[in-house]
Protein backbone atom coordinates (compact mmCIF):
# COMPACT_ATOMS: atom_id res chain seq x y z
CA UNK A 1 0.00 0.00 0.00
CA UNK A 2 1.09 3.57 -0.67
CA UNK A 3 1.76 5.92 2.26
CA UNK A 4 -0.03 9.23 1.80
CA UNK A 5 1.91 12.46 1.30
CA UNK A 6 0.57 15.77 2.59
CA UNK A 7 2.75 18.51 1.11
CA UNK A 8 2.37 22.24 1.77
CA UNK A 9 3.56 24.62 -0.93
CA UNK A 10 4.06 28.01 0.72
CA UNK A 11 4.83 29.76 -2.59
CA UNK A 12 6.10 33.35 -2.11
CA UNK A 13 4.74 33.68 1.40
CA UNK A 14 6.39 33.80 4.84
CA UNK A 15 9.54 35.55 5.93
CA UNK A 16 12.00 33.51 8.00
CA UNK A 17 10.36 34.53 11.28
CA UNK A 18 6.86 33.85 9.90
CA UNK A 19 8.00 30.45 8.66
CA UNK A 20 9.37 29.60 12.10
CA UNK A 21 6.08 30.65 13.69
CA UNK A 22 4.10 28.47 11.28
CA UNK A 23 6.29 25.44 11.99
CA UNK A 24 5.92 26.11 15.69
CA UNK A 25 2.17 26.03 15.28
CA UNK A 26 2.34 22.70 13.48
CA UNK A 27 4.61 21.09 16.05
CA UNK A 28 2.94 22.23 19.26
CA UNK A 29 -0.38 20.67 18.31
CA UNK A 30 0.75 17.12 19.03
CA UNK A 31 -0.78 15.63 15.87
CA UNK A 32 0.71 12.21 15.11
CA UNK A 33 2.27 12.73 11.69
CA UNK A 34 4.02 9.37 11.45
CA UNK A 35 1.25 7.70 9.47
CA UNK A 36 1.66 10.12 6.54
CA UNK A 37 4.64 11.84 4.95
CA UNK A 38 4.34 15.53 5.82
CA UNK A 39 6.35 17.88 3.59
CA UNK A 40 6.59 21.68 3.60
CA UNK A 41 8.06 23.81 0.81
CA UNK A 42 9.07 27.25 2.11
CA UNK A 43 10.62 30.05 0.04
CA UNK A 44 14.35 29.61 -0.58
CA UNK A 45 15.25 32.18 2.10
CA UNK A 46 13.54 30.14 4.82
CA UNK A 47 14.71 26.64 3.83
CA UNK A 48 17.48 26.28 6.39
CA UNK A 49 15.48 27.86 9.21
CA UNK A 50 12.57 25.50 8.55
CA UNK A 51 14.91 22.51 8.33
CA UNK A 52 16.45 23.43 11.70
CA UNK A 53 13.00 23.90 13.23
CA UNK A 54 11.78 20.51 12.02
CA UNK A 55 14.96 18.50 12.58
CA UNK A 56 13.56 16.65 15.61
CA UNK A 57 10.22 15.95 13.95
CA UNK A 58 8.99 13.84 11.04
CA UNK A 59 8.23 16.91 8.90
CA UNK A 60 10.40 16.99 5.77
CA UNK A 61 11.46 20.00 3.71
CA UNK A 62 11.08 20.59 -0.03
CA UNK A 63 12.37 23.23 -2.40
CA UNK A 64 9.78 24.87 -4.65
CA UNK A 65 12.01 24.74 -7.72
CA UNK A 66 15.60 24.25 -8.85
CA UNK A 67 17.86 24.64 -11.87
CA UNK A 68 19.11 21.60 -13.73
CA UNK A 69 22.76 22.76 -13.87
CA UNK A 70 25.14 21.91 -11.04
CA UNK A 71 26.44 25.49 -11.04
CA UNK A 72 26.86 28.40 -13.40
CA UNK A 73 25.94 31.96 -14.31
CA UNK A 74 22.22 31.58 -13.65
CA UNK A 75 21.30 34.59 -11.54
CA UNK A 76 18.45 33.91 -9.13
CA UNK A 77 18.56 30.12 -9.48
CA UNK A 78 19.65 27.36 -7.12
CA UNK A 79 20.99 23.90 -7.91
CA UNK A 80 19.81 20.56 -6.61
CA UNK A 81 22.86 20.24 -4.36
CA UNK A 82 22.27 23.72 -2.92
CA UNK A 83 18.72 22.70 -2.04
CA UNK A 84 19.91 19.44 -0.55
CA UNK A 85 22.58 21.14 1.58
CA UNK A 86 19.93 23.55 2.86
CA UNK A 87 18.06 20.53 4.24
CA UNK A 88 15.70 19.57 1.43
CA UNK A 89 14.71 15.96 0.80
CA UNK A 90 12.07 16.83 -1.79
CA UNK A 91 11.60 19.31 -4.62
CA UNK A 92 8.48 20.49 -6.47
CA UNK A 93 9.04 20.47 -10.23
CA UNK A 94 6.84 21.81 -13.02
CA UNK A 95 4.23 23.50 -10.84
CA UNK A 96 1.50 25.06 -12.98
CA UNK A 97 2.63 28.53 -11.94
CA UNK A 98 6.12 27.77 -13.23
CA UNK A 99 4.63 26.52 -16.49
CA UNK A 100 2.05 29.29 -16.90
CA UNK A 101 3.85 32.34 -15.50
CA UNK A 102 7.48 31.53 -16.28
CA UNK A 103 7.10 29.54 -19.48
CA UNK A 104 8.76 26.34 -18.31
CA UNK A 105 8.70 23.65 -20.97
CA UNK A 106 8.44 19.87 -20.67
CA UNK A 107 12.09 19.66 -21.73
CA UNK A 108 13.23 21.99 -18.94
CA UNK A 109 11.08 20.15 -16.44
CA UNK A 110 12.63 16.87 -17.56
CA UNK A 111 16.14 18.27 -17.02
CA UNK A 112 15.15 19.40 -13.53
CA UNK A 113 13.68 16.01 -12.69
CA UNK A 114 16.83 14.21 -13.81
CA UNK A 115 19.04 16.66 -11.88
CA UNK A 116 16.96 16.23 -8.73
CA UNK A 117 17.19 12.45 -8.93
CA UNK A 118 20.95 12.60 -9.49
CA UNK A 119 21.32 14.68 -6.32
CA UNK A 120 19.20 12.29 -4.27
CA UNK A 121 16.16 14.55 -4.00
CA UNK A 122 12.62 13.22 -4.33
CA UNK A 123 10.79 15.05 -7.13
CA UNK A 124 7.13 15.97 -6.95
CA UNK A 125 6.40 16.30 -10.66
CA UNK A 126 3.33 18.42 -11.34
CA UNK A 127 1.00 17.90 -14.29
CA UNK A 128 -2.36 19.44 -15.09
CA UNK A 129 -4.64 20.92 -17.71
CA UNK A 130 -6.08 24.40 -18.12
CA UNK A 131 -9.82 25.06 -18.14
CA UNK A 132 -9.67 25.64 -21.91
CA UNK A 133 -7.95 22.28 -22.42
CA UNK A 134 -10.48 20.48 -20.22
CA UNK A 135 -13.44 22.05 -22.00
CA UNK A 136 -11.89 21.06 -25.34
CA UNK A 137 -11.72 17.43 -24.20
CA UNK A 138 -7.92 17.44 -24.19
CA UNK A 139 -7.31 16.71 -20.48
CA UNK A 140 -5.69 13.31 -20.88
CA UNK A 141 -3.79 14.30 -24.02
CA UNK A 142 -2.19 17.12 -22.01
CA UNK A 143 -1.49 14.97 -18.95
CA UNK A 144 0.09 12.20 -21.00
CA UNK A 145 2.27 14.67 -22.91
CA UNK A 146 3.50 16.21 -19.67
CA UNK A 147 4.23 12.80 -18.16
CA UNK A 148 6.10 11.61 -21.23
CA UNK A 149 8.08 14.83 -21.49
CA UNK A 150 8.85 15.22 -17.82
CA UNK A 151 9.90 11.60 -17.33
CA UNK A 152 11.82 11.15 -20.58
CA UNK A 153 14.83 8.90 -20.05
CA UNK A 154 13.84 7.93 -16.50
CA UNK A 155 14.09 4.20 -15.81
CA UNK A 156 11.57 2.11 -13.90
CA UNK A 157 13.65 1.90 -10.71
CA UNK A 158 14.08 5.68 -10.61
CA UNK A 159 10.46 6.33 -11.54
CA UNK A 160 9.25 4.41 -8.48
CA UNK A 161 10.83 7.15 -6.32
CA UNK A 162 9.04 9.98 -8.11
CA UNK A 163 5.75 11.43 -6.86
CA UNK A 164 3.29 12.87 -9.37
CA UNK A 165 0.98 15.75 -8.47
CA UNK A 166 -2.15 16.24 -10.53
CA UNK A 167 -3.13 19.88 -10.27
CA UNK A 168 -5.84 21.06 -12.66
CA UNK A 169 -4.78 24.62 -13.46
CA UNK A 170 -8.40 25.79 -13.27
CA UNK A 171 -8.48 24.80 -9.60
CA UNK A 172 -5.24 26.50 -8.47
CA UNK A 173 -5.99 29.44 -6.21
CA UNK A 174 -9.46 29.84 -7.68
CA UNK A 175 -11.46 28.24 -4.90
CA UNK A 176 -12.72 25.70 -7.44
CA UNK A 177 -11.92 22.08 -6.72
CA UNK A 178 -12.22 19.02 -8.87
CA UNK A 179 -14.91 16.71 -7.54
CA UNK A 180 -13.63 13.53 -6.01
CA UNK A 181 -14.97 11.71 -9.08
CA UNK A 182 -12.97 14.01 -11.41
CA UNK A 183 -9.87 13.63 -9.27
CA UNK A 184 -10.14 9.84 -9.15
CA UNK A 185 -10.71 9.63 -12.90
CA UNK A 186 -7.62 11.73 -13.65
CA UNK A 187 -5.47 9.86 -11.12
CA UNK A 188 -6.55 6.48 -12.50
CA UNK A 189 -5.71 7.60 -16.04
CA UNK A 190 -2.33 8.88 -14.88
CA UNK A 191 -1.60 5.53 -13.21
CA UNK A 192 -2.63 3.70 -16.38
CA UNK A 193 -0.20 5.85 -18.36
CA UNK A 194 2.59 5.26 -15.83
CA UNK A 195 1.90 1.53 -16.11
CA UNK A 196 2.39 1.71 -19.87
CA UNK A 197 5.59 3.70 -19.41
CA UNK A 198 7.19 1.79 -16.55
CA UNK A 199 5.18 -1.38 -15.95
CA UNK A 200 2.31 -2.08 -13.59
CA UNK A 201 4.52 -2.91 -10.61
CA UNK A 202 6.31 0.43 -10.74
CA UNK A 203 3.12 2.38 -11.41
CA UNK A 204 1.52 0.81 -8.35
CA UNK A 205 4.37 2.13 -6.18
CA UNK A 206 4.23 5.69 -7.51
CA UNK A 207 2.27 8.13 -5.41
CA UNK A 208 -0.09 10.57 -7.15
CA UNK A 209 -1.15 13.66 -5.19
CA UNK A 210 -4.09 15.95 -5.86
CA UNK A 211 -3.49 19.71 -5.83
CA UNK A 212 -6.06 22.43 -6.38
CA UNK A 213 -7.85 24.32 -3.59
CA UNK A 214 -7.50 21.45 -1.10
CA UNK A 215 -8.91 22.50 2.26
CA UNK A 216 -10.13 20.84 5.46
CA UNK A 217 -13.72 20.64 4.20
CA UNK A 218 -12.89 18.55 1.10
CA UNK A 219 -9.65 16.79 2.09
CA UNK A 220 -11.08 13.55 3.46
CA UNK A 221 -13.33 12.94 0.46
CA UNK A 222 -10.46 13.54 -1.97
CA UNK A 223 -7.91 11.55 0.02
CA UNK A 224 -10.27 8.58 0.32
CA UNK A 225 -10.21 8.00 -3.45
CA UNK A 226 -8.29 4.80 -4.25
CA UNK A 227 -5.78 6.44 -6.60
CA UNK A 228 -5.33 9.69 -4.66
CA UNK A 229 -2.20 9.24 -2.55
CA UNK A 230 -2.08 12.61 -0.85
CA UNK A 231 -2.39 16.32 -1.45
CA UNK A 232 -0.28 19.22 -2.64
CA UNK A 233 -1.77 22.02 -0.56
CA UNK A 234 -1.43 25.72 -1.33
CA UNK A 235 -3.25 28.40 0.64
CA UNK A 236 -4.50 26.07 3.38
CA UNK A 237 -0.90 25.11 4.23
CA UNK A 238 -0.24 28.70 5.35
CA UNK A 239 -2.56 28.31 8.34
CA UNK A 240 -1.33 25.82 10.93
CA UNK A 241 -4.76 24.54 11.98
CA UNK A 242 -6.03 24.15 8.42
CA UNK A 243 -2.92 22.21 7.44
CA UNK A 244 -3.16 20.07 10.56
CA UNK A 245 -6.80 19.29 9.74
CA UNK A 246 -5.74 18.14 6.27
CA UNK A 247 -3.00 16.00 7.81
CA UNK A 248 -5.63 14.47 10.13
CA UNK A 249 -7.77 13.73 7.08
CA UNK A 250 -4.76 12.00 5.56
CA UNK A 251 -4.31 9.90 8.69
CA UNK A 252 -8.00 8.89 8.57
CA UNK A 253 -7.83 8.04 4.88
CA UNK A 254 -4.42 6.39 5.18
CA UNK A 255 -3.91 3.39 2.94
CA UNK A 256 -0.98 1.93 4.91
């Protein structure tokens, strides 16, 4: 069975002191987080502070992005090894905001995925369709293209260590959420595609998260779907109690 992942993407929110306060709020609650993998992705400036604050807990740290080069004249970027040295075990790659706002391509996302794996980081590879693509009936065409492009050249053994996040772009920060039926359908199709790419045994090991306006009120229903293996949480991860409630939903829906 697949252990659920509850990951909080803080985006460009929280100074170092605010990040420390948020972690403090998560830790003082006493919620048993051992039954799920809890991951937080602070801004780059707060990575080390959050790592230090969570070092005695089961909370793990993720970077929100990285560059595929080991080093170089890439102003404003960080490498996989820089993220790892700052305390990261995970990295979010190909988030819809990176694709939509910064023009990241499947080829660039593939390079980042390969670089993350080479450095020993666990990628959370994001895929998802826009509202226009969904209404045009192109949802699965888009998802399959993103999976093929992002995972190009990745072998079955390596693929088993990669987590996929399905985040319909029309549900990111809009307050709209895919129904649990829509989420399950997309996740099942993604797993079918992964099975064709890497074999059924590997696909069954790969965790597929749902991202898109996840909140305490809908978390349990989404997380109870058989092919939904966790959540990539945006705004609700910025409030300690909301994030803890989603973690509790993950514990209740746990498949382990």
